[in-house]
Protein backbone atom coordinates (compact mmCIF):
# COMPACT_ATOMS: atom_id res chain seq x y z
CA MET A 1 4.14 -11.37 -16.73
CA ALA A 2 0.99 -13.31 -16.14
CA ARG A 3 -0.52 -13.05 -12.69
CA GLU A 4 0.19 -16.27 -10.68
CA LEU A 5 -1.86 -16.92 -7.47
CA VAL A 6 -1.56 -19.79 -5.07
CA ASP A 7 -4.62 -20.45 -2.92
CA LEU A 8 -3.61 -21.94 0.45
CA GLU A 9 -7.12 -23.21 1.14
CA GLU A 10 -7.00 -25.17 -2.09
CA LEU A 11 -3.67 -26.73 -1.08
CA VAL A 12 -5.25 -27.86 2.24
CA ARG A 13 -8.09 -29.47 0.40
CA GLU A 14 -5.71 -31.25 -1.96
CA TRP A 15 -3.81 -32.48 1.13
CA VAL A 16 -7.13 -33.74 2.69
CA ASP A 17 -8.04 -35.48 -0.57
CA ASP A 18 -4.63 -37.38 -0.35
CA PHE A 19 -4.89 -38.09 3.31
CA PRO A 20 -4.89 -41.96 4.00
CA PHE A 21 -8.44 -42.44 5.07
CA ASP A 22 -9.99 -45.75 4.21
CA LYS A 23 -12.58 -45.79 1.46
CA ALA A 24 -15.48 -46.18 3.75
CA GLN A 25 -14.48 -43.08 5.79
CA LYS A 26 -14.03 -40.95 2.64
CA LYS A 27 -17.49 -41.71 1.56
CA GLU A 28 -18.88 -40.26 4.76
CA PHE A 29 -16.97 -36.96 4.55
CA ASP A 30 -18.46 -33.80 3.20
CA ALA A 31 -16.33 -31.33 1.12
CA VAL A 32 -14.04 -29.15 3.24
CA LYS A 33 -15.28 -25.62 3.62
CA PRO A 34 -13.38 -22.55 4.65
CA GLN A 35 -14.77 -22.59 8.21
CA ASP A 36 -13.45 -26.25 8.58
CA ILE A 37 -9.82 -25.11 8.30
CA ASN A 38 -8.30 -23.83 11.55
CA TRP A 39 -5.26 -21.54 10.83
CA ASP A 40 -4.78 -20.56 14.56
CA HIS A 41 -1.63 -22.75 14.97
CA MET A 42 0.03 -21.61 11.82
CA ASN A 43 2.60 -18.81 12.14
CA VAL A 44 3.20 -16.37 9.36
CA THR A 45 6.24 -14.09 9.24
CA HIS A 46 6.75 -11.37 6.57
CA SER A 47 10.37 -10.30 5.73
CA PRO A 48 11.14 -6.81 4.71
CA SER A 49 10.28 -6.06 1.06
CA GLU A 50 13.12 -5.63 -1.47
CA TYR A 51 12.71 -3.20 -4.17
CA PHE A 52 14.57 -3.44 -7.54
CA ASP A 53 14.33 -2.15 -11.18
CA SER A 54 13.16 1.17 -9.57
CA SER A 55 13.11 4.58 -11.15
CA ARG A 56 12.23 8.08 -9.93
CA ALA A 57 11.07 11.22 -11.79
CA GLN A 58 14.13 13.14 -13.11
CA LYS A 59 12.62 16.41 -11.83
CA PRO A 60 9.71 16.61 -9.32
CA LYS A 61 6.49 18.27 -10.60
CA SER A 62 5.25 21.49 -9.17
CA HIS A 63 1.61 22.16 -8.29
CA VAL A 64 -0.03 25.37 -7.05
CA LEU A 65 -2.27 24.51 -4.13
CA PHE A 66 -3.37 28.05 -3.25
CA THR A 67 -3.11 31.56 -4.71
CA ALA A 68 -3.67 34.88 -2.93
CA HIS A 69 -3.58 38.50 -4.17
CA PHE A 70 -2.56 41.48 -2.03
CA THR A 71 -3.41 44.90 -3.46
CA ASN A 72 -1.75 47.93 -2.01
CA ASP A 73 -3.31 51.21 -3.32
CA THR A 74 -2.12 53.28 -0.49
CA ASP A 75 0.75 55.76 -0.54
CA ARG A 76 2.94 53.56 1.73
CA GLN A 77 4.28 50.07 2.06
CA GLN A 78 1.85 47.60 3.67
CA VAL A 79 2.42 44.12 5.38
CA TYR A 80 -0.17 41.48 5.07
CA ALA A 81 -0.60 38.15 6.79
CA LEU A 82 -0.74 35.04 4.63
CA ARG A 83 -2.19 32.03 6.67
CA THR A 84 -3.51 28.97 5.01
CA GLU A 85 -3.65 25.23 5.24
CA ARG A 86 -4.11 22.70 2.41
CA ARG A 87 -4.02 18.98 2.05
CA THR A 88 -2.87 16.53 -0.45
CA ASN A 89 -2.67 12.77 -0.71
CA SER A 90 0.28 10.58 -1.11
CA THR A 91 -0.65 7.54 -3.03
CA CYS A 92 0.97 4.05 -3.62
CA VAL A 93 -0.52 1.60 -6.07
CA ILE A 94 0.55 -2.05 -5.42
CA SER A 95 -0.11 -4.78 -7.90
CA LEU A 96 0.79 -8.30 -7.13
CA MET A 97 1.97 -10.48 -9.91
CA LYS A 98 2.86 -13.56 -7.97
CA SER A 99 1.15 -14.15 -4.56
CA TYR A 100 -0.67 -16.43 -2.25
CA THR A 101 -4.23 -16.01 -1.18
CA ILE A 102 -6.33 -17.61 1.58
CA GLY A 103 -9.62 -18.25 -0.35
CA ALA A 104 -10.65 -14.92 -1.81
CA SER A 105 -8.57 -12.95 0.59
CA VAL A 106 -5.17 -11.52 0.28
CA GLU A 107 -3.04 -11.31 3.48
CA ILE A 108 0.24 -9.65 2.48
CA LYS A 109 2.27 -7.09 4.47
CA LEU A 110 4.79 -4.93 2.71
CA THR A 111 7.28 -2.30 3.80
CA PRO A 112 7.12 0.99 1.69
CA PRO A 113 10.02 1.80 -0.60
CA ASN A 114 12.94 3.74 1.12
CA PRO A 115 12.26 7.00 -0.93
CA ILE A 116 8.75 7.13 0.50
CA ILE A 117 9.88 6.70 4.06
CA GLU A 118 12.63 9.12 3.70
CA ALA A 119 10.39 11.76 2.16
CA ASN A 120 8.13 11.54 5.26
CA ALA A 121 5.21 11.15 2.75
CA GLY A 122 2.81 9.84 5.35
CA PHE A 123 3.42 6.12 5.00
CA HIS A 124 4.77 4.63 8.22
CA GLY A 125 5.15 0.93 9.12
CA GLU A 126 3.61 -1.74 6.78
CA LEU A 127 1.12 -1.60 3.98
CA SER A 128 -1.38 -4.44 4.49
CA MET A 129 -3.02 -5.94 1.48
CA GLU A 130 -6.23 -7.68 2.44
CA LYS A 131 -8.88 -6.99 -0.23
CA SER A 132 -7.51 -7.75 -3.67
CA VAL A 133 -4.24 -8.27 -5.75
CA GLU A 134 -4.24 -4.56 -6.65
CA GLU A 135 -4.78 -1.78 -3.96
CA THR A 136 -4.22 1.84 -3.78
CA PHE A 137 -2.98 3.20 -0.46
CA GLU A 138 -3.32 6.84 0.41
CA GLU A 139 -1.99 9.09 3.12
CA GLU A 140 -2.96 12.66 3.78
CA LEU A 141 -0.42 15.36 4.05
CA THR A 142 -1.06 18.90 5.48
CA TRP A 143 0.87 21.94 4.06
CA SER A 144 0.72 24.98 6.30
CA VAL A 145 1.79 28.63 5.61
CA ASP A 146 2.12 31.42 8.10
CA ASN A 147 3.97 34.21 6.42
CA GLN A 148 4.07 38.00 6.32
CA ILE A 149 3.90 39.51 2.77
CA THR A 150 5.31 42.97 2.31
CA VAL A 151 3.77 44.87 -0.60
CA PRO A 152 5.15 48.26 -1.82
CA GLU A 153 2.83 51.19 -2.43
CA GLY A 154 1.08 50.95 -5.78
CA PHE A 155 1.71 47.34 -6.26
CA ILE A 156 -0.23 44.02 -6.37
CA THR A 157 1.53 40.92 -5.01
CA GLN A 158 0.48 37.42 -5.93
CA ALA A 159 1.44 34.65 -3.52
CA ASP A 160 1.36 30.99 -4.70
CA LEU A 161 1.66 28.09 -2.40
CA VAL A 162 3.65 25.59 -4.49
CA ILE A 163 4.37 21.93 -3.65
CA LYS A 164 6.72 19.65 -5.46
CA GLU A 165 5.71 16.09 -5.94
CA ASP A 166 8.09 13.11 -6.66
CA SER A 167 7.22 9.77 -8.01
CA PHE A 168 8.68 6.24 -7.58
CA THR A 169 8.11 3.13 -9.75
CA GLY A 170 9.65 -0.25 -9.15
CA ASP A 171 9.27 -3.99 -8.77
CA PHE A 172 9.53 -5.64 -5.37
CA LYS A 173 9.72 -9.08 -3.73
CA SER A 174 8.81 -10.13 -0.34
CA GLU A 175 9.28 -13.49 1.42
CA THR A 176 6.78 -14.95 3.85
CA LYS A 177 7.53 -17.86 6.18
CA PHE A 178 4.88 -20.25 7.26
CA ASP A 179 5.46 -22.68 10.12
CA GLY A 180 3.37 -24.59 12.62
CA LYS A 181 0.31 -26.91 12.00
CA ILE A 182 -3.08 -26.67 10.30
CA HIS A 183 -6.13 -28.47 11.72
CA VAL A 184 -9.13 -29.55 9.58
CA ALA A 185 -12.49 -30.58 10.82
CA MET A 186 -14.04 -33.40 8.71
CA ARG A 187 -17.76 -33.19 8.62
CA SER A 188 -20.46 -35.80 7.93
CA ARG A 189 -22.06 -35.62 4.48
CA LYS A 190 -25.43 -36.51 6.23
CA ASP A 191 -25.79 -34.13 9.06
CA ASN A 192 -22.73 -31.76 8.81
CA SER A 193 -21.55 -32.90 12.40
CA VAL A 194 -17.76 -33.15 12.98
CA ILE A 195 -16.81 -36.82 12.79
CA ASN A 196 -13.05 -36.48 12.59
CA ASN A 197 -10.17 -34.04 12.94
CA ILE A 198 -6.88 -34.17 11.14
CA THR A 199 -3.62 -32.04 11.66
CA GLY A 200 -0.79 -31.57 9.36
CA ARG A 201 2.51 -29.68 9.35
CA VAL A 202 2.76 -26.82 6.90
CA GLN A 203 5.89 -28.48 5.48
CA ASP A 204 3.65 -31.43 4.33
CA ILE A 205 0.96 -29.26 2.94
CA PHE A 206 2.86 -26.26 1.26
CA THR A 207 5.42 -28.33 -0.70
CA LYS A 208 8.09 -27.53 -3.21
CA ASP A 209 6.03 -28.68 -6.15
CA LYS A 210 3.47 -26.08 -5.12
CA GLY A 211 6.02 -23.18 -5.39
CA PHE A 212 7.34 -23.15 -1.81
CA LYS A 213 10.89 -23.39 -0.58
CA VAL A 214 10.89 -25.92 2.29
CA ASP A 215 13.22 -26.66 5.13
CA LYS A 216 13.02 -27.99 8.66
CA THR A 217 11.97 -24.76 10.12
CA GLY A 218 9.04 -24.08 7.78
CA CYS A 219 7.92 -23.08 4.22
CA TYR A 220 8.76 -19.94 2.40
CA PHE A 221 6.82 -18.17 -0.46
CA THR A 222 8.13 -15.26 -2.40
CA THR A 223 5.68 -12.68 -3.55
CA ILE A 224 6.42 -10.53 -6.48
CA GLY A 225 4.77 -7.26 -7.54
CA LYS A 226 4.92 -3.73 -8.86
CA CYS A 227 4.80 -0.51 -6.97
CA LYS A 228 3.90 2.98 -8.24
CA CYS A 229 3.87 5.93 -5.76
CA ARG A 230 3.38 9.73 -5.98
CA PHE A 231 4.13 11.83 -2.93
CA GLY A 232 4.84 15.49 -1.88
CA VAL A 233 8.39 16.32 -0.94
CA GLU A 234 8.62 20.09 -0.66
CA GLN A 235 6.62 23.39 -0.34
CA HIS A 236 7.51 26.99 -1.02
CA VAL A 237 5.65 30.34 -1.49
CA LYS A 238 6.31 32.01 -4.93
CA LEU A 239 5.79 35.80 -4.93
CA SER A 240 5.32 37.98 -8.05
CA GLN A 241 4.48 41.68 -8.22
CA LYS A 242 3.10 44.05 -10.72
CA ARG A 243 2.27 47.83 -10.50
CA ILE A 244 -1.09 49.23 -10.34
CA ASN A 245 -1.94 51.59 -13.22
CA VAL A 246 -3.79 54.28 -11.19
CA GLU A 247 -4.76 56.62 -14.14
CA ASN A 248 -6.63 53.94 -16.06
CA GLY A 249 -7.72 51.89 -13.13
CA ASN A 250 -5.87 48.86 -14.61
CA GLU A 251 -2.86 46.83 -13.66
CA ASP A 252 0.38 47.09 -15.70
């Protein structure tokens, strides 16, 4: 699917171009710049994101974060303390295939997919896209271990801190509602002074032929995109033992 972007600034400029000024006035006006558009009286409401065509890994992948070895070359059982803390990142890559922009800025808020929230993977609340049509979000997770490791006499015990990571891939859509009014300052071509102000309802600017759904309460735009996430879901300590070969000074 080719990327489809609708620039709200450009829609405002098109509306200004069609505004019923007389010809003499139009000749006086300079081109509308981003700072001439006042969005303060336009309300923007984002509905919860809906995910579909989603898939998850059939089996979570295991990764060893930390390994410790405990050697007991005494003649009695020994108990060792295993304390460590490691960090990993949960990541979500969001790509917008159909979206609106305000000039060069993206102002989209998305709710993370349910598997991410349920896994307590570090993502809470909304994901705010502001920089580009593809962004990577990261949240740091901390994995802590405070265990006692019992090692029989004449053995080496290896302790591995293992985490399991799950993945989620899916498409999503999110509806944004616009209502209120937009004000535009019209400046003089000669000296850049403001010589007129015009105001329009969003329903008259963001119209059906521009890709919006319009009713008496406002305008609605549906953002469509793709989501790919990787996140830790579980940790455990894996223990393995082998005997020390005392005579040869080697391990069995």
